Structures are given as structure tokens and as C-alpha cells.
């Protein structure tokens, strides 16, 4: 993403990305934001949730992890970031 998610350009950028995979993304986002007070949920929280759901829909095989030499926290969970790698078909 090129723009910060709380700026207008960042919001537009994220909506465009989500609409590439789900045409009704924009209406769903604004439908959900009406359900909550801003002290409970911010617009960028909804973007985060939808983008995570999109990433999950591609399955674990589409994920790349950073860093490659990660550590585990005190609960035994890996401390790393998952990045979606979409391979475009030609």
C-alpha cells in the first residue's frame, strides 16, 4: 500500500484493492461502520479485518513469512508477519 490507511488516499486505495476481489466491498465497509461508534471501531479496523479475511481466503500455501529466522513468544506462538503472495495466471 502506498498511502497511510487513515488518510483519504489510503482509504480509497484499500477500497479499490478490496473491490478487485469483491465488488460489493465498499457498500459492505460503510454498512459495517454504521453499526458501531467510532470509540468502538474505526474505519481502518474494518479495512484491516476485510484484508485479513481476503488473505485467509487464498489459503496458507499463498503466504510468505517474515522474518525467515523468527522467534517464538512466551506462549509458543511464532513472532512473524504473514504476507500474501498472489501468483497471477498468464
C-alpha atoms as a PDB file:
ATOM      1  CA  UNK A   1       0.000   0.000   0.000  1.00  0.00           C
ATOM      2  CA  UNK A   2       1.328   3.387  -0.950  1.00  0.00           C
ATOM      3  CA  UNK A   3      -0.740   5.566   1.393  1.00  0.00           C
ATOM      4  CA  UNK A   4      -1.415   5.549   5.137  1.00  0.00           C
ATOM      5  CA  UNK A   5      -4.734   3.831   5.863  1.00  0.00           C
ATOM      6  CA  UNK A   6      -6.170   6.742   7.882  1.00  0.00           C
ATOM      7  CA  UNK A   7      -5.656   9.284   5.065  1.00  0.00           C
ATOM      8  CA  UNK A   8      -8.266   9.752   2.326  1.00  0.00           C
ATOM      9  CA  UNK A   9      -5.870   8.418  -0.345  1.00  0.00           C
ATOM     10  CA  UNK A  10      -5.204   5.333   1.782  1.00  0.00           C
ATOM     11  CA  UNK A  11      -8.911   4.670   2.253  1.00  0.00           C
ATOM     12  CA  UNK A  12      -9.513   4.915  -1.491  1.00  0.00           C
ATOM     13  CA  UNK A  13      -6.513   2.697  -2.197  1.00  0.00           C
ATOM     14  CA  UNK A  14      -7.795  -0.017   0.140  1.00  0.00           C
ATOM     15  CA  UNK A  15     -11.357   0.142  -1.174  1.00  0.00           C
ATOM     16  CA  UNK A  16     -10.041  -0.240  -4.736  1.00  0.00           C
ATOM     17  CA  UNK A  17      -7.954  -3.250  -3.720  1.00  0.00           C
ATOM     18  CA  UNK A  18     -10.870  -4.923  -1.967  1.00  0.00           C
ATOM     19  CA  UNK A  19     -13.246  -4.221  -4.871  1.00  0.00           C
ATOM     20  CA  UNK A  20     -10.867  -6.130  -7.167  1.00  0.00           C
ATOM     21  CA  UNK A  21     -11.862  -9.265  -5.236  1.00  0.00           C
ATOM     22  CA  UNK A  22     -15.366  -8.387  -4.009  1.00  0.00           C
ATOM     23  CA  UNK A  23     -17.479  -5.919  -5.997  1.00  0.00           C
ATOM     24  CA  UNK A  24     -19.663  -5.039  -3.005  1.00  0.00           C
ATOM     25  CA  UNK A  25     -16.709  -4.264  -0.713  1.00  0.00           C
ATOM     26  CA  UNK A  26     -17.365  -0.535  -0.481  1.00  0.00           C
ATOM     27  CA  UNK A  27     -21.025  -0.883   0.458  1.00  0.00           C
ATOM     28  CA  UNK A  28     -20.157  -3.621   2.966  1.00  0.00           C
ATOM     29  CA  UNK A  29     -17.497  -1.415   4.587  1.00  0.00           C
ATOM     30  CA  UNK A  30     -19.885   1.508   5.030  1.00  0.00           C
ATOM     31  CA  UNK A  31     -22.696  -0.797   6.152  1.00  0.00           C
ATOM     32  CA  UNK A  32     -20.458  -2.142   8.917  1.00  0.00           C
ATOM     33  CA  UNK A  33     -19.121   1.240  10.002  1.00  0.00           C
ATOM     34  CA  UNK A  34     -22.709   2.427  10.664  1.00  0.00           C
ATOM     35  CA  UNK A  35     -23.180  -0.375  13.215  1.00  0.00           C
ATOM     36  CA  UNK A  36     -20.523   0.861  15.653  1.00  0.00           C
ATOM     37  CA  UNK A  37     -19.500   4.011  17.491  1.00  0.00           C
ATOM     38  CA  UNK A  38     -16.092   5.369  16.480  1.00  0.00           C
ATOM     39  CA  UNK A  39     -14.931   4.701  20.053  1.00  0.00           C
ATOM     40  CA  UNK A  40     -15.587   1.013  19.373  1.00  0.00           C
ATOM     41  CA  UNK A  41     -14.432   0.568  15.766  1.00  0.00           C
ATOM     42  CA  UNK A  42     -12.594   2.851  13.344  1.00  0.00           C
ATOM     43  CA  UNK A  43     -12.891   2.621   9.572  1.00  0.00           C
ATOM     44  CA  UNK A  44      -9.296   1.382   9.307  1.00  0.00           C
ATOM     45  CA  UNK A  45     -10.161  -1.508  11.667  1.00  0.00           C
ATOM     46  CA  UNK A  46     -12.782  -2.652   9.162  1.00  0.00           C
ATOM     47  CA  UNK A  47     -10.239  -2.360   6.341  1.00  0.00           C
ATOM     48  CA  UNK A  48      -7.792  -4.467   8.365  1.00  0.00           C
ATOM     49  CA  UNK A  49     -10.414  -7.141   9.055  1.00  0.00           C
ATOM     50  CA  UNK A  50     -11.530  -7.338   5.421  1.00  0.00           C
ATOM     51  CA  UNK A  51      -7.975  -7.501   4.092  1.00  0.00           C
ATOM     52  CA  UNK A  52      -7.111 -10.243   6.589  1.00  0.00           C
ATOM     53  CA  UNK A  53     -10.217 -12.175   5.521  1.00  0.00           C
ATOM     54  CA  UNK A  54      -9.197 -11.764   1.869  1.00  0.00           C
ATOM     55  CA  UNK A  55      -5.688 -13.043   2.609  1.00  0.00           C
ATOM     56  CA  UNK A  56      -7.088 -16.015   4.519  1.00  0.00           C
ATOM     57  CA  UNK A  57      -9.352 -16.895   1.593  1.00  0.00           C
ATOM     58  CA  UNK A  58      -6.280 -17.642  -0.559  1.00  0.00           C
ATOM     59  CA  UNK A  59      -5.116 -20.323   1.879  1.00  0.00           C
ATOM     60  CA  UNK A  60      -1.925 -20.978   3.805  1.00  0.00           C
ATOM     61  CA  UNK A  61       0.050 -22.020   0.713  1.00  0.00           C
ATOM     62  CA  UNK A  62      -0.203 -18.429  -0.575  1.00  0.00           C
ATOM     63  CA  UNK A  63       1.534 -16.979   2.485  1.00  0.00           C
ATOM     64  CA  UNK A  64       5.166 -15.961   2.835  1.00  0.00           C
ATOM     65  CA  UNK A  65       6.548 -15.252   6.309  1.00  0.00           C
ATOM     66  CA  UNK A  66       8.927 -12.561   7.513  1.00  0.00           C
ATOM     67  CA  UNK A  67      11.416 -12.788   9.019  1.00  0.00           C
ATOM     68  CA  UNK A  68      12.531 -16.235   7.948  1.00  0.00           C
ATOM     69  CA  UNK A  69      14.517 -16.691  11.172  1.00  0.00           C
ATOM     70  CA  UNK A  70      11.634 -15.867  13.549  1.00  0.00           C
ATOM     71  CA  UNK A  71      11.441 -16.487  17.294  1.00  0.00           C
ATOM     72  CA  UNK A  72       8.588 -17.747  19.456  1.00  0.00           C
ATOM     73  CA  UNK A  73       6.903 -15.763  22.210  1.00  0.00           C
ATOM     74  CA  UNK A  74       6.361 -16.995  25.787  1.00  0.00           C
ATOM     75  CA  UNK A  75       3.146 -18.748  24.692  1.00  0.00           C
ATOM     76  CA  UNK A  76       4.937 -20.661  21.926  1.00  0.00           C
ATOM     77  CA  UNK A  77       3.454 -18.580  19.100  1.00  0.00           C
ATOM     78  CA  UNK A  78       5.674 -17.606  16.165  1.00  0.00           C
ATOM     79  CA  UNK A  79       6.585 -13.902  16.083  1.00  0.00           C
ATOM     80  CA  UNK A  80       6.444 -13.199  12.368  1.00  0.00           C
ATOM     81  CA  UNK A  81       4.364 -11.465   9.729  1.00  0.00           C
ATOM     82  CA  UNK A  82       2.418 -13.291   7.054  1.00  0.00           C
ATOM     83  CA  UNK A  83       2.417 -11.709   3.600  1.00  0.00           C
ATOM     84  CA  UNK A  84       0.083 -12.820   0.834  1.00  0.00           C
ATOM     85  CA  UNK A  85       1.850 -13.828  -2.374  1.00  0.00           C
ATOM     86  CA  UNK A  86      -0.620 -13.927  -5.232  1.00  0.00           C
ATOM     87  CA  UNK A  87       0.713 -15.542  -8.363  1.00  0.00           C
ATOM     88  CA  UNK A  88      -1.028 -14.088 -11.393  1.00  0.00           C
ATOM     89  CA  UNK A  89      -2.027 -16.519 -14.082  1.00  0.00           C
ATOM     90  CA  UNK A  90      -0.879 -15.635 -17.581  1.00  0.00           C
END
